């Protein structure tokens, strides 16, 4: 009985300390916002503009695809990159599913007065004192938030799908070619993900959870494909070398979607689902 109570107290204390650490890191990084219109506008641009946000990641993927000095090296690198694409889709699906089932609003939303149900009672959530960036888009979103206009997507920030998706792609590039992957990882960590925290869109725990999903699923899928689908990957990479022009065209479409976090693919799938509902009932 005493040992069980001690474990419970220890876990409660650990949870409290980790929560405080999460809040401290968030407030320190977010504290960079709201001080300079130019800085906030540059950060906002890297978050809203797909070319700036993820174009470099796509370029790194493209560079890694063609970086092999020999045919064998090219095949090996492309096999890693193909597995990375499969893992990225799986990771994005996982993070989307989890975020739909876990109610954890973005820090910017938590800065407002929010209530949630607890034992059939409305309880006010802990408020996070985040700074609002000075750029036009952030100010517009903040005004809408104050007036009560909240996007459903802002109510499920855990885990970060940007963290999961772009860390998967960057890690895959790193595994294929170290130098190119280091550039992709640096951009992902210090521009894409840091920008999310500066703007109050994600807390460190969201980023960490997305990273854990990325690492776990990329590792698992690499292990499965190595043991069971290595011949399939050999056949595909051989086809890309034999049909270089066509594979390059397909690669362009893939890199384009990487830069938009598969937005257009998801949009097309939503349309197909809606069409199926209307046609088949």
Protein backbone atom coordinates (compact mmCIF):
# COMPACT_ATOMS: atom_id res chain seq x y z
CA UNK A 1 0.00 0.00 0.00
CA UNK A 2 2.77 2.41 0.96
CA UNK A 3 4.84 1.54 -2.11
CA UNK A 4 1.84 2.11 -4.40
CA UNK A 5 1.20 5.48 -2.78
CA UNK A 6 4.87 6.39 -3.12
CA UNK A 7 4.82 5.52 -6.84
CA UNK A 8 1.69 7.60 -7.32
CA UNK A 9 3.24 10.59 -5.53
CA UNK A 10 6.45 10.20 -7.53
CA UNK A 11 4.56 10.10 -10.84
CA UNK A 12 2.44 13.08 -9.86
CA UNK A 13 5.54 15.07 -8.92
CA UNK A 14 7.33 14.04 -12.12
CA UNK A 15 4.32 15.04 -14.21
CA UNK A 16 4.18 18.40 -12.46
CA UNK A 17 7.89 19.04 -13.05
CA UNK A 18 7.68 18.06 -16.72
CA UNK A 19 4.63 20.28 -17.18
CA UNK A 20 6.46 23.21 -15.62
CA UNK A 21 9.50 22.54 -17.79
CA UNK A 22 7.31 22.42 -20.88
CA UNK A 23 5.72 25.76 -19.93
CA UNK A 24 9.08 27.39 -19.19
CA UNK A 25 10.60 26.34 -22.53
CA UNK A 26 7.50 27.47 -24.41
CA UNK A 27 7.39 30.88 -22.73
CA UNK A 28 11.10 31.43 -23.31
CA UNK A 29 10.87 30.62 -27.01
CA UNK A 30 7.54 32.39 -27.47
CA UNK A 31 9.02 35.36 -25.60
CA UNK A 32 10.89 36.20 -28.80
CA UNK A 33 7.57 37.20 -30.37
CA UNK A 34 5.78 40.53 -29.99
CA UNK A 35 8.98 42.60 -29.91
CA UNK A 36 9.75 43.29 -33.57
CA UNK A 37 7.31 43.51 -36.47
CA UNK A 38 10.07 42.55 -38.92
CA UNK A 39 11.16 39.48 -36.97
CA UNK A 40 7.58 38.31 -36.44
CA UNK A 41 6.79 38.87 -40.12
CA UNK A 42 9.81 36.79 -41.18
CA UNK A 43 8.83 33.99 -38.80
CA UNK A 44 5.24 34.17 -40.03
CA UNK A 45 6.40 33.99 -43.63
CA UNK A 46 8.33 30.79 -42.96
CA UNK A 47 5.16 29.28 -41.48
CA UNK A 48 2.64 30.38 -44.10
CA UNK A 49 4.71 30.28 -47.29
CA UNK A 50 5.19 26.67 -48.43
CA UNK A 51 8.25 27.54 -50.52
CA UNK A 52 10.06 29.05 -47.53
CA UNK A 53 8.70 26.65 -44.95
CA UNK A 54 9.37 23.36 -46.68
CA UNK A 55 10.86 24.13 -50.07
CA UNK A 56 14.35 23.59 -48.68
CA UNK A 57 13.33 20.16 -47.35
CA UNK A 58 12.05 19.26 -50.80
CA UNK A 59 15.28 20.48 -52.38
CA UNK A 60 17.29 18.37 -49.94
CA UNK A 61 15.18 15.33 -50.82
CA UNK A 62 15.74 16.00 -54.52
CA UNK A 63 19.49 16.45 -53.96
CA UNK A 64 19.71 13.22 -51.95
CA UNK A 65 17.87 11.35 -54.68
CA UNK A 66 20.58 12.24 -57.21
CA UNK A 67 23.64 12.27 -54.93
CA UNK A 68 24.83 8.71 -55.54
CA UNK A 69 28.25 8.58 -57.19
CA UNK A 70 27.83 4.99 -58.33
CA UNK A 71 24.81 2.93 -59.36
CA UNK A 72 24.97 0.86 -56.18
CA UNK A 73 25.20 3.98 -54.03
CA UNK A 74 22.28 5.53 -55.89
CA UNK A 75 20.17 2.40 -55.38
CA UNK A 76 20.97 2.28 -51.66
CA UNK A 77 20.13 5.95 -51.13
CA UNK A 78 16.89 5.76 -53.08
CA UNK A 79 15.74 2.71 -51.15
CA UNK A 80 16.12 4.67 -47.93
CA UNK A 81 14.25 7.64 -49.40
CA UNK A 82 11.40 5.47 -50.68
CA UNK A 83 10.96 3.91 -47.25
CA UNK A 84 11.04 7.44 -45.80
CA UNK A 85 8.10 8.48 -48.00
CA UNK A 86 6.03 5.52 -46.81
CA UNK A 87 6.93 6.29 -43.20
CA UNK A 88 6.07 9.99 -43.61
CA UNK A 89 2.54 9.13 -44.81
CA UNK A 90 2.08 6.70 -41.91
CA UNK A 91 3.39 9.23 -39.38
CA UNK A 92 1.12 12.00 -40.69
CA UNK A 93 -1.86 9.64 -40.47
CA UNK A 94 -0.94 8.65 -36.91
CA UNK A 95 -0.51 12.21 -35.66
CA UNK A 96 -3.78 13.29 -37.29
CA UNK A 97 -5.70 10.43 -35.67
CA UNK A 98 -4.20 11.09 -32.22
CA UNK A 99 -4.81 14.85 -32.41
CA UNK A 100 -8.47 14.22 -33.25
CA UNK A 101 -8.90 12.13 -30.10
CA UNK A 102 -6.81 14.20 -27.66
CA UNK A 103 -8.23 17.57 -26.59
CA UNK A 104 -5.18 19.76 -26.16
CA UNK A 105 -5.61 23.26 -27.63
CA UNK A 106 -2.73 25.23 -29.06
CA UNK A 107 -0.91 27.47 -26.55
CA UNK A 108 -2.34 30.56 -28.29
CA UNK A 109 -5.84 29.17 -27.66
CA UNK A 110 -4.99 28.32 -24.05
CA UNK A 111 -4.12 31.98 -23.47
CA UNK A 112 -7.86 32.64 -23.54
CA UNK A 113 -10.48 31.58 -21.00
CA UNK A 114 -11.45 27.99 -21.88
CA UNK A 115 -13.66 25.54 -20.02
CA UNK A 116 -13.77 21.75 -20.33
CA UNK A 117 -16.01 19.05 -18.89
CA UNK A 118 -14.71 17.22 -15.82
CA UNK A 119 -17.06 14.91 -13.92
CA UNK A 120 -20.05 16.60 -15.61
CA UNK A 121 -18.82 20.01 -14.48
CA UNK A 122 -17.33 22.87 -16.45
CA UNK A 123 -13.81 23.54 -15.22
CA UNK A 124 -11.63 26.41 -16.40
CA UNK A 125 -8.40 25.25 -18.01
CA UNK A 126 -5.03 26.62 -16.98
CA UNK A 127 -4.24 29.71 -19.03
CA UNK A 128 -0.92 30.10 -20.82
CA UNK A 129 0.48 33.61 -20.97
CA UNK A 130 1.82 33.57 -24.55
CA UNK A 131 2.85 36.65 -26.51
CA UNK A 132 1.06 37.50 -29.76
CA UNK A 133 3.35 38.13 -32.76
CA UNK A 134 3.07 41.54 -34.42
CA UNK A 135 2.77 40.36 -38.02
CA UNK A 136 -0.51 40.98 -39.81
CA UNK A 137 -1.65 37.35 -40.06
CA UNK A 138 -1.03 36.61 -36.36
CA UNK A 139 -2.86 39.77 -35.32
CA UNK A 140 -5.79 38.81 -37.56
CA UNK A 141 -5.95 35.33 -36.04
CA UNK A 142 -5.73 36.79 -32.52
CA UNK A 143 -8.62 39.19 -33.18
CA UNK A 144 -10.72 36.30 -34.45
CA UNK A 145 -9.80 34.25 -31.38
CA UNK A 146 -10.78 37.05 -28.99
CA UNK A 147 -14.13 37.32 -30.75
CA UNK A 148 -14.71 33.60 -30.24
CA UNK A 149 -13.88 32.32 -33.72
CA UNK A 150 -11.82 29.16 -33.12
CA UNK A 151 -10.78 26.73 -35.84
CA UNK A 152 -11.43 23.08 -34.93
CA UNK A 153 -7.87 22.29 -36.01
CA UNK A 154 -6.61 24.52 -33.20
CA UNK A 155 -8.21 22.33 -30.53
CA UNK A 156 -5.98 19.32 -31.15
CA UNK A 157 -2.31 20.26 -31.20
CA UNK A 158 -0.94 17.04 -29.69
CA UNK A 159 1.11 15.64 -31.28
CA UNK A 160 2.44 18.10 -33.86
CA UNK A 161 1.86 16.72 -37.36
CA UNK A 162 4.47 19.16 -38.74
CA UNK A 163 7.03 17.76 -36.30
CA UNK A 164 6.17 14.17 -37.16
CA UNK A 165 6.09 14.67 -40.92
CA UNK A 166 9.12 16.90 -41.45
CA UNK A 167 11.30 15.10 -38.91
CA UNK A 168 10.53 11.82 -40.68
CA UNK A 169 11.53 13.28 -44.06
CA UNK A 170 14.64 14.98 -42.63
CA UNK A 171 15.76 11.88 -40.72
CA UNK A 172 15.30 9.77 -43.86
CA UNK A 173 17.41 12.18 -45.88
CA UNK A 174 20.03 12.10 -43.12
CA UNK A 175 20.13 8.30 -43.20
CA UNK A 176 20.60 8.39 -46.97
CA UNK A 177 23.18 11.21 -47.11
CA UNK A 178 24.53 12.74 -43.91
CA UNK A 179 25.50 16.24 -45.12
CA UNK A 180 22.27 16.91 -47.00
CA UNK A 181 20.24 15.44 -44.14
CA UNK A 182 21.98 17.69 -41.61
CA UNK A 183 20.77 20.73 -43.56
CA UNK A 184 17.22 19.36 -43.66
CA UNK A 185 17.24 18.57 -39.94
CA UNK A 186 18.62 21.99 -39.06
CA UNK A 187 15.95 23.76 -41.11
CA UNK A 188 13.21 21.57 -39.61
CA UNK A 189 14.30 22.17 -36.01
CA UNK A 190 15.34 25.83 -36.09
CA UNK A 191 12.94 27.26 -38.65
CA UNK A 192 9.80 25.14 -39.03
CA UNK A 193 9.39 23.82 -35.47
CA UNK A 194 10.95 26.74 -33.61
CA UNK A 195 8.64 29.02 -35.60
CA UNK A 196 5.64 27.02 -34.40
CA UNK A 197 6.63 27.64 -30.77
CA UNK A 198 7.50 31.30 -31.36
CA UNK A 199 4.00 31.82 -32.74
CA UNK A 200 2.37 29.89 -29.89
CA UNK A 201 1.03 27.25 -32.28
CA UNK A 202 2.72 24.33 -30.50
CA UNK A 203 4.25 23.59 -27.11
CA UNK A 204 7.50 21.61 -26.72
CA UNK A 205 5.52 18.53 -25.64
CA UNK A 206 3.63 18.60 -28.97
CA UNK A 207 6.91 18.77 -30.88
CA UNK A 208 8.49 16.03 -28.75
CA UNK A 209 5.50 13.71 -29.21
CA UNK A 210 5.55 14.24 -32.97
CA UNK A 211 9.28 13.47 -32.98
CA UNK A 212 8.76 10.27 -30.99
CA UNK A 213 6.10 9.10 -33.46
CA UNK A 214 8.43 9.95 -36.36
CA UNK A 215 11.41 8.07 -34.90
CA UNK A 216 9.35 5.04 -33.85
CA UNK A 217 7.47 4.57 -37.10
CA UNK A 218 10.44 5.31 -39.36
CA UNK A 219 12.53 2.75 -37.46
CA UNK A 220 9.74 0.14 -37.54
CA UNK A 221 8.98 0.59 -41.23
CA UNK A 222 12.69 0.46 -42.14
CA UNK A 223 13.00 -2.82 -40.24
CA UNK A 224 9.91 -4.36 -41.86
CA UNK A 225 10.83 -3.31 -45.40
CA UNK A 226 14.42 -4.49 -44.99
CA UNK A 227 13.28 -7.95 -43.96
CA UNK A 228 10.29 -8.44 -46.27
CA UNK A 229 10.25 -5.92 -49.10
CA UNK A 230 13.89 -5.48 -50.04
CA UNK A 231 13.33 -7.08 -53.46
CA UNK A 232 10.41 -4.76 -54.15
CA UNK A 233 12.56 -1.75 -53.30
CA UNK A 234 15.34 -3.09 -55.55
CA UNK A 235 12.86 -3.38 -58.41
CA UNK A 236 11.51 0.15 -57.89
CA UNK A 237 14.94 1.76 -57.62
CA UNK A 238 16.05 -0.14 -60.71
CA UNK A 239 13.02 1.21 -62.57
CA UNK A 240 13.84 4.80 -61.51
CA UNK A 241 17.35 4.43 -62.93
CA UNK A 242 16.18 2.83 -66.18
CA UNK A 243 13.36 5.37 -66.71
CA UNK A 244 15.11 8.48 -65.43
CA UNK A 245 12.91 11.03 -67.23
CA UNK A 246 9.58 9.61 -66.04
CA UNK A 247 10.84 8.98 -62.50
CA UNK A 248 12.12 12.57 -62.34
CA UNK A 249 8.67 13.85 -63.28
CA UNK A 250 7.09 11.73 -60.53
CA UNK A 251 9.74 12.90 -58.08
CA UNK A 252 8.82 16.51 -58.84
CA UNK A 253 5.20 15.79 -57.87
CA UNK A 254 6.35 14.07 -54.68
CA UNK A 255 8.65 16.92 -53.68
CA UNK A 256 5.84 19.39 -54.43
CA UNK A 257 3.59 17.54 -52.00
CA UNK A 258 6.33 17.33 -49.39
CA UNK A 259 6.51 21.13 -49.49
CA UNK A 260 2.79 21.35 -48.73
CA UNK A 261 2.63 18.57 -46.12
CA UNK A 262 0.57 16.43 -48.53
CA UNK A 263 -2.18 19.06 -48.43
CA UNK A 264 -3.32 18.49 -52.03
CA UNK A 265 -3.31 14.72 -51.64
CA UNK A 266 -5.39 14.99 -48.47
CA UNK A 267 -7.75 17.41 -50.22
CA UNK A 268 -8.23 14.96 -53.12
CA UNK A 269 -8.85 12.08 -50.71
CA UNK A 270 -11.46 14.16 -48.87
CA UNK A 271 -13.22 14.83 -52.17
CA UNK A 272 -13.22 11.12 -53.02
CA UNK A 273 -14.66 10.30 -49.59
CA UNK A 274 -17.37 12.94 -50.03
CA UNK A 275 -18.17 11.67 -53.54
CA UNK A 276 -18.45 8.11 -52.24
CA UNK A 277 -20.83 9.29 -49.51
CA UNK A 278 -23.08 11.19 -51.94
CA UNK A 279 -23.07 8.50 -54.65
CA UNK A 280 -23.25 5.36 -52.56
CA UNK A 281 -24.91 6.71 -49.44
